[in-house]
Amino acid sequence: MIIDPELPAIKVAVHPRAKQLKLAVSTKGIRLTVPPFASRRQVMVFLENTKVWLKQTWLKQKTVQSDAVQPQSLPSQLHLNFGLKPVHIDYIDLDDSYFLEQPSSNRLYIHQDKAGLALTHYVIQQAKKILPQQLRQYAQRHHLAVRQIRIATPTTRWGSCSHDQNIMLHAGLMLMPRDYADYVMLHELAHIREMNHQAGFWRLLEHMYPAAKSKQREVKTFKLPVWWQSK
């Protein structure tokens, strides 16, 4: 939904338990939660009444986003997990691409005006190549069967495992210390047998990854770099 050319399209979500109209503004966009009983007229009146606030808040968010990716925070090399060689980075003007790779010189050309987004896209691309293969190796080692593996960029978790043995891994595992990434993958694999965090789960995980609980605390402290931009 577009209400003003200075604002991004508003994502509207009808929630059955919502009791009132609610706006959420972040660097990723604007979201409007709507209760099921609200009419279109009520929605439009609400948005009109909050338009000034929306513009001010959106401008602040965009300022925060632009400030977060300053040249001094951008890497000259990218160190990715699982034995990949460090990639040397040049920031240049690119017309049609976020990035260009030059494997022969182990060099990566990044769109300088969209550096954070371009770096993120590159890491996601590498994650889709590497992480599923690595996870299946661990699954085979521990005699576990994984159905589907999905690489994503959620904001609140490093991985998940469904009752159907489908596993999601965060692309940011490529930027973690190797032992952190290993822990996350083995944690999700343990959920194939134990879909909870009770004693049986921890016994299994400790067998797969000794000192798992202490490693879990370390993983919780890991932060993605300031240039990372979740989708």
C-alpha atoms as a PDB file:
ATOM      1  CA  MET A   1       0.000   0.000   0.000  1.00  0.00           C
ATOM      2  CA  ILE A   2       1.440   3.394  -1.052  1.00  0.00           C
ATOM      3  CA  ILE A   3       0.163   6.534   0.690  1.00  0.00           C
ATOM      4  CA  ASP A   4       2.946   9.019  -0.076  1.00  0.00           C
ATOM      5  CA  PRO A   5       5.803   9.155  -2.613  1.00  0.00           C
ATOM      6  CA  GLU A   6       8.259   9.951   0.198  1.00  0.00           C
ATOM      7  CA  LEU A   7       7.410   6.704   1.977  1.00  0.00           C
ATOM      8  CA  PRO A   8       8.010   3.077   0.979  1.00  0.00           C
ATOM      9  CA  ALA A   9       5.079   0.797   0.267  1.00  0.00           C
ATOM     10  CA  ILE A  10       3.446  -0.186   3.546  1.00  0.00           C
ATOM     11  CA  LYS A  11       3.163  -3.913   4.212  1.00  0.00           C
ATOM     12  CA  VAL A  12      -0.296  -4.638   5.603  1.00  0.00           C
ATOM     13  CA  ALA A  13      -0.823  -7.718   7.776  1.00  0.00           C
ATOM     14  CA  VAL A  14      -4.227  -8.716   9.158  1.00  0.00           C
ATOM     15  CA  HIS A  15      -3.743 -10.432  12.507  1.00  0.00           C
ATOM     16  CA  PRO A  16      -6.640 -12.329  14.115  1.00  0.00           C
ATOM     17  CA  ARG A  17      -5.577 -11.353  17.658  1.00  0.00           C
ATOM     18  CA  ALA A  18      -4.868  -7.692  16.938  1.00  0.00           C
ATOM     19  CA  LYS A  19      -7.130  -5.288  18.825  1.00  0.00           C
ATOM     20  CA  GLN A  20      -6.026  -2.043  17.217  1.00  0.00           C
ATOM     21  CA  LEU A  21      -4.177  -0.645  14.216  1.00  0.00           C
ATOM     22  CA  LYS A  22      -0.439  -0.638  14.854  1.00  0.00           C
ATOM     23  CA  LEU A  23       2.499   0.708  12.835  1.00  0.00           C
ATOM     24  CA  ALA A  24       6.070  -0.586  13.016  1.00  0.00           C
ATOM     25  CA  VAL A  25       8.888   1.305  11.282  1.00  0.00           C
ATOM     26  CA  SER A  26      12.378  -0.089  10.729  1.00  0.00           C
ATOM     27  CA  THR A  27      15.194   0.315   8.229  1.00  0.00           C
ATOM     28  CA  LYS A  28      13.607  -2.545   6.274  1.00  0.00           C
ATOM     29  CA  GLY A  29      10.284  -0.773   5.773  1.00  0.00           C
ATOM     30  CA  ILE A  30       6.908   0.024   7.311  1.00  0.00           C
ATOM     31  CA  ARG A  31       4.461  -2.602   8.542  1.00  0.00           C
ATOM     32  CA  LEU A  32       0.834  -2.031   9.505  1.00  0.00           C
ATOM     33  CA  THR A  33      -0.897  -4.636  11.657  1.00  0.00           C
ATOM     34  CA  VAL A  34      -4.662  -4.586  11.188  1.00  0.00           C
ATOM     35  CA  PRO A  35      -7.331  -6.261  13.341  1.00  0.00           C
ATOM     36  CA  PRO A  36      -9.819  -8.357  11.345  1.00  0.00           C
ATOM     37  CA  PHE A  37     -12.744  -6.050  12.133  1.00  0.00           C
ATOM     38  CA  ALA A  38     -11.104  -2.865  10.773  1.00  0.00           C
ATOM     39  CA  SER A  39     -12.602  -1.397   7.595  1.00  0.00           C
ATOM     40  CA  ARG A  40     -10.592   0.048   4.720  1.00  0.00           C
ATOM     41  CA  ARG A  41     -11.880   3.508   5.615  1.00  0.00           C
ATOM     42  CA  GLN A  42     -10.603   3.137   9.184  1.00  0.00           C
ATOM     43  CA  VAL A  43      -7.213   2.064   7.853  1.00  0.00           C
ATOM     44  CA  MET A  44      -6.959   5.029   5.473  1.00  0.00           C
ATOM     45  CA  VAL A  45      -8.017   7.541   8.139  1.00  0.00           C
ATOM     46  CA  PHE A  46      -5.477   6.076  10.552  1.00  0.00           C
ATOM     47  CA  LEU A  47      -2.682   6.331   7.980  1.00  0.00           C
ATOM     48  CA  GLU A  48      -3.626   9.891   7.071  1.00  0.00           C
ATOM     49  CA  ASN A  49      -3.581  10.915  10.733  1.00  0.00           C
ATOM     50  CA  THR A  50      -0.161   9.343  11.272  1.00  0.00           C
ATOM     51  CA  LYS A  51       1.457  10.425   7.988  1.00  0.00           C
ATOM     52  CA  VAL A  52       3.538  13.243   9.495  1.00  0.00           C
ATOM     53  CA  TRP A  53       4.839  10.945  12.226  1.00  0.00           C
ATOM     54  CA  LEU A  54       5.518   8.236   9.654  1.00  0.00           C
ATOM     55  CA  LYS A  55       7.613  10.567   7.500  1.00  0.00           C
ATOM     56  CA  GLN A  56       9.642  11.783  10.467  1.00  0.00           C
ATOM     57  CA  THR A  57      10.221   8.276  11.791  1.00  0.00           C
ATOM     58  CA  TRP A  58      11.082   6.852   8.369  1.00  0.00           C
ATOM     59  CA  LEU A  59      13.616   9.642   7.800  1.00  0.00           C
ATOM     60  CA  LYS A  60      15.262   8.849  11.148  1.00  0.00           C
ATOM     61  CA  GLN A  61      15.455   5.158  10.251  1.00  0.00           C
ATOM     62  CA  LYS A  62      17.041   5.901   6.884  1.00  0.00           C
ATOM     63  CA  THR A  63      19.563   8.176   8.586  1.00  0.00           C
ATOM     64  CA  VAL A  64      20.457   5.409  11.024  1.00  0.00           C
ATOM     65  CA  GLN A  65      20.844   2.985   8.136  1.00  0.00           C
ATOM     66  CA  SER A  66      23.088   5.304   6.124  1.00  0.00           C
ATOM     67  CA  ASP A  67      25.183   6.136   9.169  1.00  0.00           C
ATOM     68  CA  ALA A  68      25.641   2.446   9.955  1.00  0.00           C
ATOM     69  CA  VAL A  69      27.578   1.689   6.756  1.00  0.00           C
ATOM     70  CA  GLN A  70      30.353   4.254   6.663  1.00  0.00           C
ATOM     71  CA  PRO A  71      33.467   3.650   4.551  1.00  0.00           C
ATOM     72  CA  GLN A  72      35.576   2.999   7.638  1.00  0.00           C
ATOM     73  CA  SER A  73      33.268   0.131   8.622  1.00  0.00           C
ATOM     74  CA  LEU A  74      33.545  -1.647   5.266  1.00  0.00           C
ATOM     75  CA  PRO A  75      36.077  -4.464   5.044  1.00  0.00           C
ATOM     76  CA  SER A  76      39.009  -4.515   2.640  1.00  0.00           C
ATOM     77  CA  GLN A  77      38.963  -8.303   2.937  1.00  0.00           C
ATOM     78  CA  LEU A  78      36.132 -10.722   3.575  1.00  0.00           C
ATOM     79  CA  HIS A  79      36.921 -13.770   5.690  1.00  0.00           C
ATOM     80  CA  LEU A  80      34.335 -16.501   5.222  1.00  0.00           C
ATOM     81  CA  ASN A  81      33.971 -19.798   7.018  1.00  0.00           C
ATOM     82  CA  PHE A  82      34.705 -23.396   6.066  1.00  0.00           C
ATOM     83  CA  GLY A  83      38.159 -23.033   4.579  1.00  0.00           C
ATOM     84  CA  LEU A  84      37.413 -20.375   1.975  1.00  0.00           C
ATOM     85  CA  LYS A  85      40.321 -18.072   1.170  1.00  0.00           C
ATOM     86  CA  PRO A  86      40.039 -14.407   2.211  1.00  0.00           C
ATOM     87  CA  VAL A  87      38.554 -12.337  -0.608  1.00  0.00           C
ATOM     88  CA  HIS A  88      40.103  -8.952  -1.430  1.00  0.00           C
ATOM     89  CA  ILE A  89      37.467  -6.255  -1.940  1.00  0.00           C
ATOM     90  CA  ASP A  90      37.405  -3.174  -4.183  1.00  0.00           C
ATOM     91  CA  TYR A  91      34.525  -0.689  -3.999  1.00  0.00           C
ATOM     92  CA  ILE A  92      33.687   0.687  -7.445  1.00  0.00           C
ATOM     93  CA  ASP A  93      30.806   1.934  -9.595  1.00  0.00           C
ATOM     94  CA  LEU A  94      28.771  -0.956 -10.989  1.00  0.00           C
ATOM     95  CA  ASP A  95      25.850  -0.337 -13.309  1.00  0.00           C
ATOM     96  CA  ASP A  96      23.787  -3.498 -13.207  1.00  0.00           C
ATOM     97  CA  SER A  97      25.188  -5.695 -10.444  1.00  0.00           C
ATOM     98  CA  TYR A  98      25.652  -5.636  -6.702  1.00  0.00           C
ATOM     99  CA  PHE A  99      29.022  -7.329  -7.103  1.00  0.00           C
ATOM    100  CA  LEU A 100      31.391  -8.949  -9.576  1.00  0.00           C
ATOM    101  CA  GLU A 101      33.759 -11.801  -8.786  1.00  0.00           C
ATOM    102  CA  GLN A 102      37.239 -12.326 -10.197  1.00  0.00           C
ATOM    103  CA  PRO A 103      38.156 -15.820  -8.972  1.00  0.00           C
ATOM    104  CA  SER A 104      41.540 -15.870 -10.714  1.00  0.00           C
ATOM    105  CA  SER A 105      42.816 -13.106  -8.411  1.00  0.00           C
ATOM    106  CA  ASN A 106      40.526 -13.918  -5.493  1.00  0.00           C
ATOM    107  CA  ARG A 107      39.040 -10.432  -5.784  1.00  0.00           C
ATOM    108  CA  LEU A 108      35.532  -9.103  -5.291  1.00  0.00           C
ATOM    109  CA  TYR A 109      34.223  -5.846  -6.779  1.00  0.00           C
ATOM    110  CA  ILE A 110      31.433  -4.316  -4.718  1.00  0.00           C
ATOM    111  CA  HIS A 111      28.902  -1.665  -5.763  1.00  0.00           C
ATOM    112  CA  GLN A 112      30.192   1.275  -3.730  1.00  0.00           C
ATOM    113  CA  ASP A 113      26.798   2.997  -3.410  1.00  0.00           C
ATOM    114  CA  LYS A 114      25.133  -0.176  -2.106  1.00  0.00           C
ATOM    115  CA  ALA A 115      28.087  -1.665  -0.289  1.00  0.00           C
ATOM    116  CA  GLY A 116      26.292  -3.158   2.714  1.00  0.00           C
ATOM    117  CA  LEU A 117      23.570  -4.733   0.601  1.00  0.00           C
ATOM    118  CA  ALA A 118      26.083  -5.976  -1.967  1.00  0.00           C
ATOM    119  CA  LEU A 119      28.296  -7.603   0.666  1.00  0.00           C
ATOM    120  CA  THR A 120      25.244  -9.229   2.228  1.00  0.00           C
ATOM    121  CA  HIS A 121      24.123 -10.613  -1.135  1.00  0.00           C
ATOM    122  CA  TYR A 122      27.579 -12.052  -1.725  1.00  0.00           C
ATOM    123  CA  VAL A 123      27.647 -13.791   1.654  1.00  0.00           C
ATOM    124  CA  ILE A 124      24.169 -15.231   1.024  1.00  0.00           C
ATOM    125  CA  GLN A 125      25.322 -16.550  -2.352  1.00  0.00           C
ATOM    126  CA  GLN A 126      28.300 -18.276  -0.754  1.00  0.00           C
ATOM    127  CA  ALA A 127      26.159 -19.608   2.097  1.00  0.00           C
ATOM    128  CA  LYS A 128      23.808 -21.305  -0.358  1.00  0.00           C
ATOM    129  CA  LYS A 129      26.775 -23.091  -1.911  1.00  0.00           C
ATOM    130  CA  ILE A 130      28.564 -24.108   1.280  1.00  0.00           C
ATOM    131  CA  LEU A 131      26.169 -24.533   4.204  1.00  0.00           C
ATOM    132  CA  PRO A 132      23.837 -27.243   2.800  1.00  0.00           C
ATOM    133  CA  GLN A 133      26.826 -29.380   1.827  1.00  0.00           C
ATOM    134  CA  GLN A 134      28.414 -28.953   5.250  1.00  0.00           C
ATOM    135  CA  LEU A 135      25.175 -29.713   7.088  1.00  0.00           C
ATOM    136  CA  ARG A 136      24.634 -32.914   5.105  1.00  0.00           C
ATOM    137  CA  GLN A 137      28.163 -34.048   5.951  1.00  0.00           C
ATOM    138  CA  TYR A 138      27.426 -33.612   9.653  1.00  0.00           C
ATOM    139  CA  ALA A 139      24.064 -35.348   9.253  1.00  0.00           C
ATOM    140  CA  GLN A 140      25.707 -38.335   7.579  1.00  0.00           C
ATOM    141  CA  ARG A 141      28.380 -38.502  10.286  1.00  0.00           C
ATOM    142  CA  HIS A 142      25.727 -38.683  13.014  1.00  0.00           C
ATOM    143  CA  HIS A 143      23.323 -40.933  11.055  1.00  0.00           C
ATOM    144  CA  LEU A 144      20.603 -38.296  10.768  1.00  0.00           C
ATOM    145  CA  ALA A 145      18.336 -37.649   7.792  1.00  0.00           C
ATOM    146  CA  VAL A 146      17.632 -34.091   6.641  1.00  0.00           C
ATOM    147  CA  ARG A 147      14.944 -33.455   4.057  1.00  0.00           C
ATOM    148  CA  GLN A 148      15.275 -29.877   2.891  1.00  0.00           C
ATOM    149  CA  ILE A 149      17.829 -27.196   3.768  1.00  0.00           C
ATOM    150  CA  ARG A 150      17.003 -23.538   3.376  1.00  0.00           C
ATOM    151  CA  ILE A 151      19.361 -20.569   3.717  1.00  0.00           C
ATOM    152  CA  ALA A 152      17.727 -17.390   4.997  1.00  0.00           C
ATOM    153  CA  THR A 153      18.421 -14.172   6.924  1.00  0.00           C
ATOM    154  CA  PRO A 154      15.964 -14.058   9.843  1.00  0.00           C
ATOM    155  CA  THR A 155      16.460 -11.409  12.504  1.00  0.00           C
ATOM    156  CA  THR A 156      15.989 -13.497  15.653  1.00  0.00           C
ATOM    157  CA  ARG A 157      17.604 -16.918  15.174  1.00  0.00           C
ATOM    158  CA  TRP A 158      20.595 -18.653  13.630  1.00  0.00           C
ATOM    159  CA  GLY A 159      18.695 -21.756  12.603  1.00  0.00           C
ATOM    160  CA  SER A 160      15.565 -23.850  12.994  1.00  0.00           C
ATOM    161  CA  CYS A 161      14.351 -27.408  12.456  1.00  0.00           C
ATOM    162  CA  SER A 162      10.765 -28.356  11.619  1.00  0.00           C
ATOM    163  CA  HIS A 163       8.873 -31.535  12.504  1.00  0.00           C
ATOM    164  CA  ASP A 164       9.371 -32.566   8.857  1.00  0.00           C
ATOM    165  CA  GLN A 165      13.175 -32.552   9.297  1.00  0.00           C
ATOM    166  CA  ASN A 166      13.536 -29.389   7.223  1.00  0.00           C
ATOM    167  CA  ILE A 167      16.347 -27.179   8.481  1.00  0.00           C
ATOM    168  CA  MET A 168      16.858 -23.449   8.047  1.00  0.00           C
ATOM    169  CA  LEU A 169      20.314 -21.958   8.515  1.00  0.00           C
ATOM    170  CA  HIS A 170      21.177 -18.277   8.710  1.00  0.00           C
ATOM    171  CA  ALA A 171      23.535 -17.124   5.949  1.00  0.00           C
ATOM    172  CA  GLY A 172      25.480 -15.266   8.628  1.00  0.00           C
ATOM    173  CA  LEU A 173      26.994 -18.566   9.749  1.00  0.00           C
ATOM    174  CA  MET A 174      29.540 -17.869   7.010  1.00  0.00           C
ATOM    175  CA  LEU A 175      30.827 -14.940   9.083  1.00  0.00           C
ATOM    176  CA  MET A 176      30.917 -16.672  12.460  1.00  0.00           C
ATOM    177  CA  PRO A 177      33.925 -18.327  14.050  1.00  0.00           C
ATOM    178  CA  ARG A 178      33.943 -21.896  12.756  1.00  0.00           C
ATOM    179  CA  ASP A 179      33.167 -23.453  16.138  1.00  0.00           C
ATOM    180  CA  TYR A 180      30.079 -21.229  16.485  1.00  0.00           C
ATOM    181  CA  ALA A 181      28.771 -22.253  13.063  1.00  0.00           C
ATOM    182  CA  ASP A 182      29.433 -25.923  13.816  1.00  0.00           C
ATOM    183  CA  TYR A 183      27.485 -25.605  17.057  1.00  0.00           C
ATOM    184  CA  VAL A 184      24.468 -24.052  15.305  1.00  0.00           C
ATOM    185  CA  MET A 185      24.342 -26.783  12.672  1.00  0.00           C
ATOM    186  CA  LEU A 186      24.683 -29.607  15.184  1.00  0.00           C
ATOM    187  CA  HIS A 187      22.091 -27.953  17.431  1.00  0.00           C
ATOM    188  CA  GLU A 188      19.552 -28.023  14.600  1.00  0.00           C
ATOM    189  CA  LEU A 189      20.485 -31.575  13.642  1.00  0.00           C
ATOM    190  CA  ALA A 190      19.856 -32.694  17.223  1.00  0.00           C
ATOM    191  CA  HIS A 191      16.293 -31.414  16.853  1.00  0.00           C
ATOM    192  CA  ILE A 192      15.651 -34.074  14.219  1.00  0.00           C
ATOM    193  CA  ARG A 193      15.459 -36.575  17.089  1.00  0.00           C
ATOM    194  CA  GLU A 194      14.517 -34.271  19.967  1.00  0.00           C
ATOM    195  CA  MET A 195      12.077 -31.472  19.066  1.00  0.00           C
ATOM    196  CA  ASN A 196      12.530 -29.687  22.395  1.00  0.00           C
ATOM    197  CA  HIS A 197      15.241 -28.416  24.728  1.00  0.00           C
ATOM    198  CA  GLN A 198      14.739 -30.956  27.486  1.00  0.00           C
ATOM    199  CA  ALA A 199      17.348 -33.268  29.020  1.00  0.00           C
ATOM    200  CA  GLY A 200      17.262 -35.764  26.140  1.00  0.00           C
ATOM    201  CA  PHE A 201      18.046 -33.044  23.635  1.00  0.00           C
ATOM    202  CA  TRP A 202      21.058 -31.802  25.587  1.00  0.00           C
ATOM    203  CA  ARG A 203      22.400 -35.331  26.099  1.00  0.00           C
ATOM    204  CA  LEU A 204      22.271 -35.903  22.362  1.00  0.00           C
ATOM    205  CA  LEU A 205      23.817 -32.539  21.532  1.00  0.00           C
ATOM    206  CA  GLU A 206      26.580 -32.966  24.128  1.00  0.00           C
ATOM    207  CA  HIS A 207      27.408 -36.303  22.485  1.00  0.00           C
ATOM    208  CA  MET A 208      27.653 -34.546  19.111  1.00  0.00           C
ATOM    209  CA  TYR A 209      29.286 -31.379  20.443  1.00  0.00           C
ATOM    210  CA  PRO A 210      30.905 -31.589  23.907  1.00  0.00           C
ATOM    211  CA  ALA A 211      30.432 -28.509  26.135  1.00  0.00           C
ATOM    212  CA  ALA A 212      27.421 -27.517  24.054  1.00  0.00           C
ATOM    213  CA  LYS A 213      25.796 -25.355  26.730  1.00  0.00           C
ATOM    214  CA  SER A 214      28.863 -23.192  27.208  1.00  0.00           C
ATOM    215  CA  LYS A 215      29.182 -22.827  23.443  1.00  0.00           C
ATOM    216  CA  GLN A 216      25.523 -21.815  23.253  1.00  0.00           C
ATOM    217  CA  ARG A 217      26.277 -18.880  25.569  1.00  0.00           C
ATOM    218  CA  GLU A 218      29.175 -17.821  23.354  1.00  0.00           C
ATOM    219  CA  VAL A 219      27.081 -18.007  20.192  1.00  0.00           C
ATOM    220  CA  LYS A 220      24.476 -15.718  21.750  1.00  0.00           C
ATOM    221  CA  THR A 221      27.105 -12.973  21.994  1.00  0.00           C
ATOM    222  CA  PHE A 222      27.927 -13.020  18.278  1.00  0.00           C
ATOM    223  CA  LYS A 223      26.857  -9.981  16.269  1.00  0.00           C
ATOM    224  CA  LEU A 224      26.829  -9.606  12.509  1.00  0.00           C
ATOM    225  CA  PRO A 225      28.989  -6.762  11.122  1.00  0.00           C
ATOM    226  CA  VAL A 226      27.466  -3.284  10.900  1.00  0.00           C
ATOM    227  CA  TRP A 227      27.280  -3.469   7.119  1.00  0.00           C
ATOM    228  CA  TRP A 228      25.029  -6.551   7.182  1.00  0.00           C
ATOM    229  CA  GLN A 229      21.555  -5.823   5.833  1.00  0.00           C
ATOM    230  CA  SER A 230      18.846  -8.389   6.475  1.00  0.00           C
ATOM    231  CA  LYS A 231      16.218  -8.762   3.791  1.00  0.00           C
END
